[in-house]
C-alpha cells in the first residue's frame, strides 16, 4: 500500500507564492509519473504539472512560467513551487503517483490540500 502525504497549502494574496510537498511512503519499485492535479468548486479535476520517472515535465498552459515541479527521487517526494499566484489558482490540490508496487502497477491519490488565493 502506498500513501501520499501532502503539505504546504494555505491562504495567500494574489502575486504571492506557495510550495506544496507530497511524500510517498510504502514499497515502491519504480515511479512512472508523479505530479499534481487540482479541483476548484464546481469544476472537474485538472492536471497542473507532472514529472515522469525520467524527469520529463508536463504543465497545464495556465500555470506555465509560474509553477515549477521538482522531485527528490531518493525520497519519493514531489514538490510544486507556485509563484505569481492568481485567484483562479484557488482549488484543492491533489498529489498523484503512477508507480509499480508489490501489487503491480497502480496509481494513488493524496487527500488533497487547499490553496486559496485572495485578490
C-alpha atoms as a PDB file:
ATOM      1  CA  UNK A   1       0.000   0.000   0.000  1.00  0.00           C
ATOM      2  CA  UNK A   2       1.288   3.415  -0.953  1.00  0.00           C
ATOM      3  CA  UNK A   3       0.331   6.544   0.912  1.00  0.00           C
ATOM      4  CA  UNK A   4       0.777  10.126  -0.220  1.00  0.00           C
ATOM      5  CA  UNK A   5       1.045  12.875   2.347  1.00  0.00           C
ATOM      6  CA  UNK A   6       0.681  16.431   1.108  1.00  0.00           C
ATOM      7  CA  UNK A   7       1.592  19.653   2.826  1.00  0.00           C
ATOM      8  CA  UNK A   8       2.113  23.317   2.086  1.00  0.00           C
ATOM      9  CA  UNK A   9      -1.316  24.582   1.154  1.00  0.00           C
ATOM     10  CA  UNK A  10      -2.835  27.692   2.660  1.00  0.00           C
ATOM     11  CA  UNK A  11      -4.103  31.201   2.089  1.00  0.00           C
ATOM     12  CA  UNK A  12      -2.016  33.679   0.132  1.00  0.00           C
ATOM     13  CA  UNK A  13      -2.613  37.002  -1.574  1.00  0.00           C
ATOM     14  CA  UNK A  14      -2.538  37.314  -5.327  1.00  0.00           C
ATOM     15  CA  UNK A  15       1.024  37.578  -6.549  1.00  0.00           C
ATOM     16  CA  UNK A  16       2.330  35.508  -3.677  1.00  0.00           C
ATOM     17  CA  UNK A  17       3.962  32.097  -3.580  1.00  0.00           C
ATOM     18  CA  UNK A  18       3.389  28.722  -2.011  1.00  0.00           C
ATOM     19  CA  UNK A  19       5.287  25.458  -2.132  1.00  0.00           C
ATOM     20  CA  UNK A  20       3.456  22.167  -1.984  1.00  0.00           C
ATOM     21  CA  UNK A  21       5.120  18.924  -0.978  1.00  0.00           C
ATOM     22  CA  UNK A  22       3.996  15.339  -1.406  1.00  0.00           C
ATOM     23  CA  UNK A  23       5.822  12.433   0.168  1.00  0.00           C
ATOM     24  CA  UNK A  24       5.109   8.883  -0.944  1.00  0.00           C
ATOM     25  CA  UNK A  25       5.572   6.055   1.509  1.00  0.00           C
ATOM     26  CA  UNK A  26       5.303   2.298   1.088  1.00  0.00           C
ATOM     27  CA  UNK A  27       7.016  -0.222  -1.137  1.00  0.00           C
ATOM     28  CA  UNK A  28       7.532   1.443  -4.489  1.00  0.00           C
ATOM     29  CA  UNK A  29       9.696  -0.289  -7.048  1.00  0.00           C
ATOM     30  CA  UNK A  30       9.549   2.440  -9.643  1.00  0.00           C
ATOM     31  CA  UNK A  31       7.671   5.646 -10.367  1.00  0.00           C
ATOM     32  CA  UNK A  32       6.353   6.165 -13.859  1.00  0.00           C
ATOM     33  CA  UNK A  33       4.831   9.555 -13.207  1.00  0.00           C
ATOM     34  CA  UNK A  34       4.205  11.749 -10.188  1.00  0.00           C
ATOM     35  CA  UNK A  35       2.547  15.094 -10.024  1.00  0.00           C
ATOM     36  CA  UNK A  36      -0.247  17.454  -9.105  1.00  0.00           C
ATOM     37  CA  UNK A  37      -3.845  17.935 -10.093  1.00  0.00           C
ATOM     38  CA  UNK A  38      -6.367  20.424  -8.793  1.00  0.00           C
ATOM     39  CA  UNK A  39     -10.104  20.756  -8.471  1.00  0.00           C
ATOM     40  CA  UNK A  40     -11.926  24.023  -8.000  1.00  0.00           C
ATOM     41  CA  UNK A  41     -15.525  24.149  -6.734  1.00  0.00           C
ATOM     42  CA  UNK A  42     -17.948  23.113  -9.433  1.00  0.00           C
ATOM     43  CA  UNK A  43     -15.184  22.112 -11.827  1.00  0.00           C
ATOM     44  CA  UNK A  44     -13.563  18.881 -12.891  1.00  0.00           C
ATOM     45  CA  UNK A  45     -10.191  17.818 -11.599  1.00  0.00           C
ATOM     46  CA  UNK A  46      -7.459  19.008 -13.934  1.00  0.00           C
ATOM     47  CA  UNK A  47      -3.779  18.383 -14.453  1.00  0.00           C
ATOM     48  CA  UNK A  48      -1.444  21.023 -13.055  1.00  0.00           C
ATOM     49  CA  UNK A  49       2.012  19.530 -13.504  1.00  0.00           C
ATOM     50  CA  UNK A  50       3.552  16.083 -13.723  1.00  0.00           C
ATOM     51  CA  UNK A  51       7.025  14.625 -13.937  1.00  0.00           C
ATOM     52  CA  UNK A  52       7.966  11.239 -15.332  1.00  0.00           C
ATOM     53  CA  UNK A  53      10.460   8.917 -13.731  1.00  0.00           C
ATOM     54  CA  UNK A  54      12.940  10.099 -16.327  1.00  0.00           C
ATOM     55  CA  UNK A  55      12.438  13.729 -15.391  1.00  0.00           C
ATOM     56  CA  UNK A  56      10.243  14.933 -18.247  1.00  0.00           C
ATOM     57  CA  UNK A  57       7.698  17.514 -17.181  1.00  0.00           C
ATOM     58  CA  UNK A  58       4.263  18.500 -18.355  1.00  0.00           C
ATOM     59  CA  UNK A  59       2.401  21.632 -17.307  1.00  0.00           C
ATOM     60  CA  UNK A  60      -1.062  22.985 -17.815  1.00  0.00           C
ATOM     61  CA  UNK A  61      -0.947  26.035 -20.068  1.00  0.00           C
ATOM     62  CA  UNK A  62      -2.491  28.126 -17.310  1.00  0.00           C
ATOM     63  CA  UNK A  63       0.481  27.588 -14.988  1.00  0.00           C
ATOM     64  CA  UNK A  64       3.419  27.553 -17.399  1.00  0.00           C
ATOM     65  CA  UNK A  65       6.048  30.038 -16.370  1.00  0.00           C
ATOM     66  CA  UNK A  66       4.606  30.373 -12.867  1.00  0.00           C
ATOM     67  CA  UNK A  67       4.692  26.868 -11.392  1.00  0.00           C
ATOM     68  CA  UNK A  68       7.643  24.503 -11.211  1.00  0.00           C
ATOM     69  CA  UNK A  69       7.510  20.819 -10.401  1.00  0.00           C
ATOM     70  CA  UNK A  70      10.513  19.051  -8.955  1.00  0.00           C
ATOM     71  CA  UNK A  71      11.198  15.722  -7.359  1.00  0.00           C
ATOM     72  CA  UNK A  72      13.552  14.206  -4.840  1.00  0.00           C
ATOM     73  CA  UNK A  73      13.802  10.714  -6.219  1.00  0.00           C
ATOM     74  CA  UNK A  74      15.631   9.301  -3.255  1.00  0.00           C
ATOM     75  CA  UNK A  75      12.765  10.333  -1.003  1.00  0.00           C
ATOM     76  CA  UNK A  76       9.904   9.744  -3.471  1.00  0.00           C
ATOM     77  CA  UNK A  77       8.844  13.304  -2.803  1.00  0.00           C
ATOM     78  CA  UNK A  78       7.470  15.746  -5.325  1.00  0.00           C
ATOM     79  CA  UNK A  79       7.229  19.496  -4.931  1.00  0.00           C
ATOM     80  CA  UNK A  80       5.234  22.194  -6.633  1.00  0.00           C
ATOM     81  CA  UNK A  81       6.613  25.705  -6.393  1.00  0.00           C
ATOM     82  CA  UNK A  82       3.815  28.126  -7.191  1.00  0.00           C
ATOM     83  CA  UNK A  83       4.709  31.729  -7.910  1.00  0.00           C
ATOM     84  CA  UNK A  84       2.673  34.701  -9.079  1.00  0.00           C
ATOM     85  CA  UNK A  85      -0.453  33.069  -7.774  1.00  0.00           C
ATOM     86  CA  UNK A  86      -3.816  34.224  -9.073  1.00  0.00           C
ATOM     87  CA  UNK A  87      -7.296  33.927  -7.576  1.00  0.00           C
ATOM     88  CA  UNK A  88      -8.143  31.416 -10.303  1.00  0.00           C
ATOM     89  CA  UNK A  89      -5.485  29.102  -8.875  1.00  0.00           C
ATOM     90  CA  UNK A  90      -7.735  28.586  -5.863  1.00  0.00           C
ATOM     91  CA  UNK A  91      -8.529  24.883  -5.612  1.00  0.00           C
ATOM     92  CA  UNK A  92      -7.864  21.696  -3.736  1.00  0.00           C
ATOM     93  CA  UNK A  93      -4.550  20.351  -4.982  1.00  0.00           C
ATOM     94  CA  UNK A  94      -4.079  16.589  -5.145  1.00  0.00           C
ATOM     95  CA  UNK A  95      -0.867  14.662  -5.409  1.00  0.00           C
ATOM     96  CA  UNK A  96      -0.877  11.657  -7.720  1.00  0.00           C
ATOM     97  CA  UNK A  97       1.574   8.866  -8.391  1.00  0.00           C
ATOM     98  CA  UNK A  98       1.608   6.191 -11.078  1.00  0.00           C
ATOM     99  CA  UNK A  99       4.001   3.532  -9.854  1.00  0.00           C
ATOM    100  CA  UNK A 100       4.916  -0.124  -9.635  1.00  0.00           C
ATOM    101  CA  UNK A 101       4.433  -1.782  -6.271  1.00  0.00           C
ATOM    102  CA  UNK A 102       4.158  -5.292  -4.900  1.00  0.00           C
ATOM    103  CA  UNK A 103       0.620  -5.239  -6.336  1.00  0.00           C
ATOM    104  CA  UNK A 104       1.842  -4.347  -9.792  1.00  0.00           C
ATOM    105  CA  UNK A 105       1.283  -1.042 -11.498  1.00  0.00           C
ATOM    106  CA  UNK A 106      -1.068   1.194  -9.560  1.00  0.00           C
ATOM    107  CA  UNK A 107      -1.981   4.837  -9.188  1.00  0.00           C
ATOM    108  CA  UNK A 108      -2.612   6.591  -5.902  1.00  0.00           C
ATOM    109  CA  UNK A 109      -4.014   9.935  -4.796  1.00  0.00           C
ATOM    110  CA  UNK A 110      -3.316  12.102  -1.801  1.00  0.00           C
ATOM    111  CA  UNK A 111      -6.041  13.512   0.398  1.00  0.00           C
ATOM    112  CA  UNK A 112      -5.721  16.988  -1.084  1.00  0.00           C
ATOM    113  CA  UNK A 113      -4.527  20.305   0.259  1.00  0.00           C
ATOM    114  CA  UNK A 114      -6.442  23.561  -0.048  1.00  0.00           C
ATOM    115  CA  UNK A 115      -4.861  26.518  -1.806  1.00  0.00           C
ATOM    116  CA  UNK A 116      -6.745  29.797  -1.574  1.00  0.00           C
ATOM    117  CA  UNK A 117      -5.570  32.914  -3.367  1.00  0.00           C
ATOM    118  CA  UNK A 118      -7.233  36.157  -2.355  1.00  0.00           C
ATOM    119  CA  UNK A 119      -7.493  39.134  -4.687  1.00  0.00           C
END
